[in-house]
């Protein structure tokens, strides 16, 4: 694969806010096999994930869970079956969102939520959540927990604005651009989305920063992706 193709993909994946379809990428670059362009995309996503891996959120942080997957009959939200569970946290800076993190978890219970918080949010930060019991352990483990009791969707959108904006955007991205992704590889798609979101005001620097990220991390192979 030519260096020009790599640079084009890095440029588009770092700058295209709605994400980039690998099938469209294959056609534009004239790459013969989808496997090649699919692997290239995941190599870039891994570099993005590694770049953000050491960052921690601080200040006032909104936190919630999202359930990602195809629409199915039955309960929605926490009662939904067959969907990937994702913990989402985003800094709330009054009228603006700060940095964000999204992590695919095996279950959205108190242990997983606390694990994400301890890994990705600075101690003593204020974490605002809804009133679900799984968040109660945050207050006794080094965080200031602010539970918000919401009885209607409109109230949740107001009280936990930024985490709901982020959830809607990532679901729209996965559904509209990628037409769904496998749960096995979801973590890298979430990393790609977070990487762009966290650098949304750095447009002029994004390409150079992403090239640097790709050059300064261990890559992932097709065999590892399919294992």
C-alpha atoms as a PDB file:
ATOM      1  CA  UNK A   1       0.000   0.000   0.000  1.00  0.00           C
ATOM      2  CA  UNK A   2       1.444   3.372  -1.013  1.00  0.00           C
ATOM      3  CA  UNK A   3       2.461   6.075   1.450  1.00  0.00           C
ATOM      4  CA  UNK A   4       0.006   8.410  -0.289  1.00  0.00           C
ATOM      5  CA  UNK A   5      -2.857   6.021   0.556  1.00  0.00           C
ATOM      6  CA  UNK A   6      -1.785   5.930   4.193  1.00  0.00           C
ATOM      7  CA  UNK A   7      -1.573   9.719   4.423  1.00  0.00           C
ATOM      8  CA  UNK A   8      -4.976  10.118   2.750  1.00  0.00           C
ATOM      9  CA  UNK A   9      -6.584   7.685   5.196  1.00  0.00           C
ATOM     10  CA  UNK A  10      -4.959   9.321   8.218  1.00  0.00           C
ATOM     11  CA  UNK A  11      -6.074  12.752   6.992  1.00  0.00           C
ATOM     12  CA  UNK A  12      -9.678  11.657   6.394  1.00  0.00           C
ATOM     13  CA  UNK A  13     -10.057   9.582   9.576  1.00  0.00           C
ATOM     14  CA  UNK A  14      -8.694  12.393  11.738  1.00  0.00           C
ATOM     15  CA  UNK A  15     -10.653  15.218  10.092  1.00  0.00           C
ATOM     16  CA  UNK A  16     -13.960  13.654   8.954  1.00  0.00           C
ATOM     17  CA  UNK A  17     -16.190  14.267  11.959  1.00  0.00           C
ATOM     18  CA  UNK A  18     -18.863  11.839  10.800  1.00  0.00           C
ATOM     19  CA  UNK A  19     -16.330   9.033  10.370  1.00  0.00           C
ATOM     20  CA  UNK A  20     -15.138   7.283   7.227  1.00  0.00           C
ATOM     21  CA  UNK A  21     -16.625   4.218   5.549  1.00  0.00           C
ATOM     22  CA  UNK A  22     -13.917   1.686   4.734  1.00  0.00           C
ATOM     23  CA  UNK A  23     -15.864   0.534   1.665  1.00  0.00           C
ATOM     24  CA  UNK A  24     -15.891   4.098   0.308  1.00  0.00           C
ATOM     25  CA  UNK A  25     -12.217   4.341   1.174  1.00  0.00           C
ATOM     26  CA  UNK A  26     -11.445   1.195  -0.804  1.00  0.00           C
ATOM     27  CA  UNK A  27     -13.177   2.604  -3.897  1.00  0.00           C
ATOM     28  CA  UNK A  28     -11.529   6.028  -3.653  1.00  0.00           C
ATOM     29  CA  UNK A  29      -8.033   4.631  -3.216  1.00  0.00           C
ATOM     30  CA  UNK A  30      -8.447   1.795  -5.706  1.00  0.00           C
ATOM     31  CA  UNK A  31      -7.272  -0.803  -3.197  1.00  0.00           C
ATOM     32  CA  UNK A  32      -8.025  -4.291  -4.489  1.00  0.00           C
ATOM     33  CA  UNK A  33      -9.123  -6.053  -1.314  1.00  0.00           C
ATOM     34  CA  UNK A  34     -11.399  -4.843   1.470  1.00  0.00           C
ATOM     35  CA  UNK A  35      -9.241  -6.756   3.967  1.00  0.00           C
ATOM     36  CA  UNK A  36      -6.340  -4.387   3.272  1.00  0.00           C
ATOM     37  CA  UNK A  37      -8.244  -1.155   3.818  1.00  0.00           C
ATOM     38  CA  UNK A  38     -10.109  -2.610   6.814  1.00  0.00           C
ATOM     39  CA  UNK A  39      -6.781  -3.483   8.462  1.00  0.00           C
ATOM     40  CA  UNK A  40      -5.369  -0.039   7.681  1.00  0.00           C
ATOM     41  CA  UNK A  41      -8.354   1.559   9.387  1.00  0.00           C
ATOM     42  CA  UNK A  42      -7.874  -0.507  12.535  1.00  0.00           C
ATOM     43  CA  UNK A  43      -4.160   0.272  12.656  1.00  0.00           C
ATOM     44  CA  UNK A  44      -4.984   3.985  12.674  1.00  0.00           C
ATOM     45  CA  UNK A  45      -7.723   3.500  15.290  1.00  0.00           C
ATOM     46  CA  UNK A  46      -5.292   1.636  17.565  1.00  0.00           C
ATOM     47  CA  UNK A  47      -2.837   4.543  17.319  1.00  0.00           C
ATOM     48  CA  UNK A  48      -5.643   6.922  18.282  1.00  0.00           C
ATOM     49  CA  UNK A  49      -6.598   4.706  21.237  1.00  0.00           C
ATOM     50  CA  UNK A  50      -3.018   4.495  22.460  1.00  0.00           C
ATOM     51  CA  UNK A  51      -2.635   8.281  22.226  1.00  0.00           C
ATOM     52  CA  UNK A  52      -5.615   8.853  24.546  1.00  0.00           C
ATOM     53  CA  UNK A  53      -4.929   5.938  26.903  1.00  0.00           C
ATOM     54  CA  UNK A  54      -3.159   8.005  29.580  1.00  0.00           C
ATOM     55  CA  UNK A  55      -5.583  10.948  29.631  1.00  0.00           C
ATOM     56  CA  UNK A  56      -7.844  11.486  32.639  1.00  0.00           C
ATOM     57  CA  UNK A  57     -10.941  13.645  32.920  1.00  0.00           C
ATOM     58  CA  UNK A  58     -11.282  16.208  35.714  1.00  0.00           C
ATOM     59  CA  UNK A  59     -13.613  18.822  37.185  1.00  0.00           C
ATOM     60  CA  UNK A  60     -17.322  18.146  36.734  1.00  0.00           C
ATOM     61  CA  UNK A  61     -17.798  14.916  34.782  1.00  0.00           C
ATOM     62  CA  UNK A  62     -21.095  13.550  33.461  1.00  0.00           C
ATOM     63  CA  UNK A  63     -21.285   9.752  33.339  1.00  0.00           C
ATOM     64  CA  UNK A  64     -23.818   7.336  31.872  1.00  0.00           C
ATOM     65  CA  UNK A  65     -24.087   4.040  30.022  1.00  0.00           C
ATOM     66  CA  UNK A  66     -25.026   3.482  26.380  1.00  0.00           C
ATOM     67  CA  UNK A  67     -26.283   0.307  24.720  1.00  0.00           C
ATOM     68  CA  UNK A  68     -25.089  -0.034  21.154  1.00  0.00           C
ATOM     69  CA  UNK A  69     -26.407  -2.467  18.580  1.00  0.00           C
ATOM     70  CA  UNK A  70     -29.169  -3.054  16.042  1.00  0.00           C
ATOM     71  CA  UNK A  71     -32.726  -2.149  16.954  1.00  0.00           C
ATOM     72  CA  UNK A  72     -34.651  -5.112  18.322  1.00  0.00           C
ATOM     73  CA  UNK A  73     -38.118  -5.621  19.777  1.00  0.00           C
ATOM     74  CA  UNK A  74     -38.372  -5.496  23.542  1.00  0.00           C
ATOM     75  CA  UNK A  75     -37.149  -3.220  26.331  1.00  0.00           C
ATOM     76  CA  UNK A  76     -34.807  -0.320  25.625  1.00  0.00           C
ATOM     77  CA  UNK A  77     -31.922   1.049  27.658  1.00  0.00           C
ATOM     78  CA  UNK A  78     -30.743  -1.044  30.608  1.00  0.00           C
ATOM     79  CA  UNK A  79     -33.272  -3.756  29.827  1.00  0.00           C
ATOM     80  CA  UNK A  80     -32.181  -4.174  26.197  1.00  0.00           C
ATOM     81  CA  UNK A  81     -30.944  -7.601  25.130  1.00  0.00           C
ATOM     82  CA  UNK A  82     -28.101  -8.382  22.757  1.00  0.00           C
ATOM     83  CA  UNK A  83     -26.460  -4.948  22.785  1.00  0.00           C
ATOM     84  CA  UNK A  84     -22.917  -3.901  23.634  1.00  0.00           C
ATOM     85  CA  UNK A  85     -22.572  -2.012  26.910  1.00  0.00           C
ATOM     86  CA  UNK A  86     -20.518   1.184  26.903  1.00  0.00           C
ATOM     87  CA  UNK A  87     -19.659   3.509  29.792  1.00  0.00           C
ATOM     88  CA  UNK A  88     -19.393   7.132  28.642  1.00  0.00           C
ATOM     89  CA  UNK A  89     -17.905  10.035  30.617  1.00  0.00           C
ATOM     90  CA  UNK A  90     -17.459  13.627  29.455  1.00  0.00           C
ATOM     91  CA  UNK A  91     -16.266  16.792  31.168  1.00  0.00           C
ATOM     92  CA  UNK A  92     -18.967  19.428  31.543  1.00  0.00           C
ATOM     93  CA  UNK A  93     -17.515  22.918  31.195  1.00  0.00           C
ATOM     94  CA  UNK A  94     -20.684  24.958  31.588  1.00  0.00           C
ATOM     95  CA  UNK A  95     -21.747  25.781  28.008  1.00  0.00           C
ATOM     96  CA  UNK A  96     -19.197  23.470  26.437  1.00  0.00           C
ATOM     97  CA  UNK A  97     -18.117  19.856  26.675  1.00  0.00           C
ATOM     98  CA  UNK A  98     -14.519  19.090  27.547  1.00  0.00           C
ATOM     99  CA  UNK A  99     -12.722  15.813  26.944  1.00  0.00           C
ATOM    100  CA  UNK A 100     -14.541  12.500  26.780  1.00  0.00           C
ATOM    101  CA  UNK A 101     -13.895   8.793  27.182  1.00  0.00           C
ATOM    102  CA  UNK A 102     -15.921   5.772  26.111  1.00  0.00           C
ATOM    103  CA  UNK A 103     -15.219   2.204  27.194  1.00  0.00           C
ATOM    104  CA  UNK A 104     -16.833  -1.042  26.102  1.00  0.00           C
ATOM    105  CA  UNK A 105     -17.505  -3.102  29.245  1.00  0.00           C
ATOM    106  CA  UNK A 106     -18.751  -6.675  29.783  1.00  0.00           C
ATOM    107  CA  UNK A 107     -21.501  -5.415  32.094  1.00  0.00           C
ATOM    108  CA  UNK A 108     -22.711  -2.043  33.325  1.00  0.00           C
ATOM    109  CA  UNK A 109     -22.601  -2.968  37.001  1.00  0.00           C
ATOM    110  CA  UNK A 110     -21.060  -1.034  39.887  1.00  0.00           C
ATOM    111  CA  UNK A 111     -17.677  -2.809  39.632  1.00  0.00           C
ATOM    112  CA  UNK A 112     -17.253  -1.943  35.950  1.00  0.00           C
ATOM    113  CA  UNK A 113     -18.437   1.641  36.411  1.00  0.00           C
ATOM    114  CA  UNK A 114     -16.056   2.185  39.338  1.00  0.00           C
ATOM    115  CA  UNK A 115     -13.199   0.632  37.360  1.00  0.00           C
ATOM    116  CA  UNK A 116     -13.727   3.062  34.482  1.00  0.00           C
ATOM    117  CA  UNK A 117     -13.970   6.007  36.885  1.00  0.00           C
ATOM    118  CA  UNK A 118     -10.788   5.083  38.760  1.00  0.00           C
ATOM    119  CA  UNK A 119      -8.874   4.576  35.517  1.00  0.00           C
ATOM    120  CA  UNK A 120     -10.123   7.565  33.523  1.00  0.00           C
ATOM    121  CA  UNK A 121     -11.243  10.265  36.007  1.00  0.00           C
ATOM    122  CA  UNK A 122      -8.966  12.121  38.412  1.00  0.00           C
ATOM    123  CA  UNK A 123      -9.608  11.456  42.125  1.00  0.00           C
ATOM    124  CA  UNK A 124     -11.842  13.980  43.942  1.00  0.00           C
ATOM    125  CA  UNK A 125     -13.570  14.972  40.687  1.00  0.00           C
ATOM    126  CA  UNK A 126     -17.319  15.551  40.829  1.00  0.00           C
ATOM    127  CA  UNK A 127     -19.230  12.916  38.877  1.00  0.00           C
ATOM    128  CA  UNK A 128     -22.832  13.628  37.920  1.00  0.00           C
ATOM    129  CA  UNK A 129     -24.982  10.598  37.061  1.00  0.00           C
ATOM    130  CA  UNK A 130     -28.601   9.561  37.079  1.00  0.00           C
ATOM    131  CA  UNK A 131     -29.965   7.863  40.194  1.00  0.00           C
ATOM    132  CA  UNK A 132     -29.216   4.270  39.225  1.00  0.00           C
ATOM    133  CA  UNK A 133     -27.799   2.279  42.155  1.00  0.00           C
ATOM    134  CA  UNK A 134     -24.685   1.093  40.283  1.00  0.00           C
ATOM    135  CA  UNK A 135     -23.232   4.600  40.630  1.00  0.00           C
ATOM    136  CA  UNK A 136     -23.539   4.724  44.418  1.00  0.00           C
ATOM    137  CA  UNK A 137     -20.054   3.307  44.997  1.00  0.00           C
ATOM    138  CA  UNK A 138     -18.446   6.369  43.387  1.00  0.00           C
ATOM    139  CA  UNK A 139     -19.050   8.531  46.456  1.00  0.00           C
ATOM    140  CA  UNK A 140     -17.252   6.133  48.796  1.00  0.00           C
ATOM    141  CA  UNK A 141     -14.259   5.605  46.515  1.00  0.00           C
ATOM    142  CA  UNK A 142     -12.607   8.988  46.170  1.00  0.00           C
ATOM    143  CA  UNK A 143     -15.125  10.902  44.043  1.00  0.00           C
ATOM    144  CA  UNK A 144     -17.788  13.496  44.764  1.00  0.00           C
ATOM    145  CA  UNK A 145     -20.937  11.817  43.492  1.00  0.00           C
ATOM    146  CA  UNK A 146     -23.875  13.961  42.400  1.00  0.00           C
ATOM    147  CA  UNK A 147     -26.868  11.741  41.560  1.00  0.00           C
ATOM    148  CA  UNK A 148     -29.592  13.464  39.554  1.00  0.00           C
ATOM    149  CA  UNK A 149     -33.076  11.980  39.766  1.00  0.00           C
ATOM    150  CA  UNK A 150     -34.752  12.191  36.357  1.00  0.00           C
ATOM    151  CA  UNK A 151     -38.219  10.890  35.586  1.00  0.00           C
ATOM    152  CA  UNK A 152     -38.485  11.964  31.946  1.00  0.00           C
ATOM    153  CA  UNK A 153     -36.175  11.875  28.923  1.00  0.00           C
ATOM    154  CA  UNK A 154     -36.314  15.667  28.606  1.00  0.00           C
ATOM    155  CA  UNK A 155     -35.080  16.077  32.170  1.00  0.00           C
ATOM    156  CA  UNK A 156     -32.205  13.674  31.523  1.00  0.00           C
ATOM    157  CA  UNK A 157     -31.209  15.628  28.417  1.00  0.00           C
ATOM    158  CA  UNK A 158     -31.089  18.808  30.462  1.00  0.00           C
ATOM    159  CA  UNK A 159     -29.333  17.467  33.571  1.00  0.00           C
ATOM    160  CA  UNK A 160     -26.859  15.220  31.725  1.00  0.00           C
ATOM    161  CA  UNK A 161     -26.659  17.153  28.488  1.00  0.00           C
ATOM    162  CA  UNK A 162     -23.194  16.388  27.175  1.00  0.00           C
ATOM    163  CA  UNK A 163     -23.138  12.659  27.815  1.00  0.00           C
ATOM    164  CA  UNK A 164     -26.457  12.341  25.951  1.00  0.00           C
ATOM    165  CA  UNK A 165     -25.155  14.437  23.043  1.00  0.00           C
ATOM    166  CA  UNK A 166     -22.101  12.191  22.824  1.00  0.00           C
ATOM    167  CA  UNK A 167     -24.209   9.021  23.006  1.00  0.00           C
ATOM    168  CA  UNK A 168     -26.503  10.186  20.208  1.00  0.00           C
ATOM    169  CA  UNK A 169     -23.557  11.175  18.025  1.00  0.00           C
ATOM    170  CA  UNK A 170     -21.642   7.925  18.393  1.00  0.00           C
ATOM    171  CA  UNK A 171     -24.750   5.823  17.763  1.00  0.00           C
ATOM    172  CA  UNK A 172     -25.521   7.862  14.645  1.00  0.00           C
ATOM    173  CA  UNK A 173     -21.914   7.492  13.479  1.00  0.00           C
ATOM    174  CA  UNK A 174     -21.891   3.711  13.884  1.00  0.00           C
ATOM    175  CA  UNK A 175     -25.328   3.236  12.350  1.00  0.00           C
ATOM    176  CA  UNK A 176     -25.042   5.761   9.516  1.00  0.00           C
ATOM    177  CA  UNK A 177     -21.403   5.483   8.401  1.00  0.00           C
ATOM    178  CA  UNK A 178     -20.343   1.970   9.348  1.00  0.00           C
ATOM    179  CA  UNK A 179     -23.830   0.382   9.198  1.00  0.00           C
ATOM    180  CA  UNK A 180     -23.084  -1.341  12.495  1.00  0.00           C
ATOM    181  CA  UNK A 181     -19.835  -2.740  13.882  1.00  0.00           C
ATOM    182  CA  UNK A 182     -18.994  -6.006  15.588  1.00  0.00           C
ATOM    183  CA  UNK A 183     -18.787  -5.984  19.372  1.00  0.00           C
ATOM    184  CA  UNK A 184     -15.320  -7.532  19.072  1.00  0.00           C
ATOM    185  CA  UNK A 185     -13.885  -4.398  17.444  1.00  0.00           C
ATOM    186  CA  UNK A 186     -16.172  -1.790  19.011  1.00  0.00           C
ATOM    187  CA  UNK A 187     -13.461  -0.522  21.377  1.00  0.00           C
ATOM    188  CA  UNK A 188     -11.383   0.869  18.492  1.00  0.00           C
ATOM    189  CA  UNK A 189     -14.354   2.600  16.850  1.00  0.00           C
ATOM    190  CA  UNK A 190     -15.119   4.235  20.190  1.00  0.00           C
ATOM    191  CA  UNK A 191     -11.474   5.299  20.460  1.00  0.00           C
ATOM    192  CA  UNK A 192     -11.597   6.837  16.983  1.00  0.00           C
ATOM    193  CA  UNK A 193     -14.721   8.816  17.830  1.00  0.00           C
ATOM    194  CA  UNK A 194     -13.302  10.002  21.175  1.00  0.00           C
ATOM    195  CA  UNK A 195      -9.988  10.961  19.563  1.00  0.00           C
ATOM    196  CA  UNK A 196     -11.702  13.281  17.072  1.00  0.00           C
ATOM    197  CA  UNK A 197     -14.112  14.645  19.674  1.00  0.00           C
ATOM    198  CA  UNK A 198     -11.291  15.486  22.083  1.00  0.00           C
ATOM    199  CA  UNK A 199      -9.453  17.382  19.331  1.00  0.00           C
ATOM    200  CA  UNK A 200     -12.431  18.997  17.622  1.00  0.00           C
ATOM    201  CA  UNK A 201     -10.969  22.493  18.081  1.00  0.00           C
ATOM    202  CA  UNK A 202      -7.508  21.556  16.800  1.00  0.00           C
ATOM    203  CA  UNK A 203      -8.343  21.179  13.101  1.00  0.00           C
ATOM    204  CA  UNK A 204      -5.076  22.607  11.798  1.00  0.00           C
ATOM    205  CA  UNK A 205      -3.025  20.206  13.951  1.00  0.00           C
ATOM    206  CA  UNK A 206      -5.023  17.003  13.573  1.00  0.00           C
ATOM    207  CA  UNK A 207      -3.236  15.465  10.602  1.00  0.00           C
ATOM    208  CA  UNK A 208       0.282  16.007  11.989  1.00  0.00           C
ATOM    209  CA  UNK A 209      -0.752  14.824  15.445  1.00  0.00           C
ATOM    210  CA  UNK A 210      -2.328  11.643  14.053  1.00  0.00           C
ATOM    211  CA  UNK A 211       0.714  10.859  11.891  1.00  0.00           C
ATOM    212  CA  UNK A 212       2.865  11.225  15.023  1.00  0.00           C
ATOM    213  CA  UNK A 213       0.499   8.911  16.913  1.00  0.00           C
ATOM    214  CA  UNK A 214       0.739   6.278  14.168  1.00  0.00           C
ATOM    215  CA  UNK A 215       4.547   6.451  14.141  1.00  0.00           C
ATOM    216  CA  UNK A 216       4.976   6.253  17.914  1.00  0.00           C
ATOM    217  CA  UNK A 217       2.922   3.183  18.812  1.00  0.00           C
ATOM    218  CA  UNK A 218       3.050  -0.555  18.253  1.00  0.00           C
ATOM    219  CA  UNK A 219       0.870  -1.570  15.338  1.00  0.00           C
ATOM    220  CA  UNK A 220      -1.732  -4.321  15.171  1.00  0.00           C
ATOM    221  CA  UNK A 221      -1.750  -7.058  12.510  1.00  0.00           C
ATOM    222  CA  UNK A 222      -4.601  -8.601  10.541  1.00  0.00           C
ATOM    223  CA  UNK A 223      -3.953 -11.920  12.311  1.00  0.00           C
ATOM    224  CA  UNK A 224      -4.349 -10.238  15.701  1.00  0.00           C
ATOM    225  CA  UNK A 225      -7.532  -8.500  14.583  1.00  0.00           C
ATOM    226  CA  UNK A 226      -9.065 -11.783  13.445  1.00  0.00           C
ATOM    227  CA  UNK A 227      -7.845 -13.871  16.395  1.00  0.00           C
END
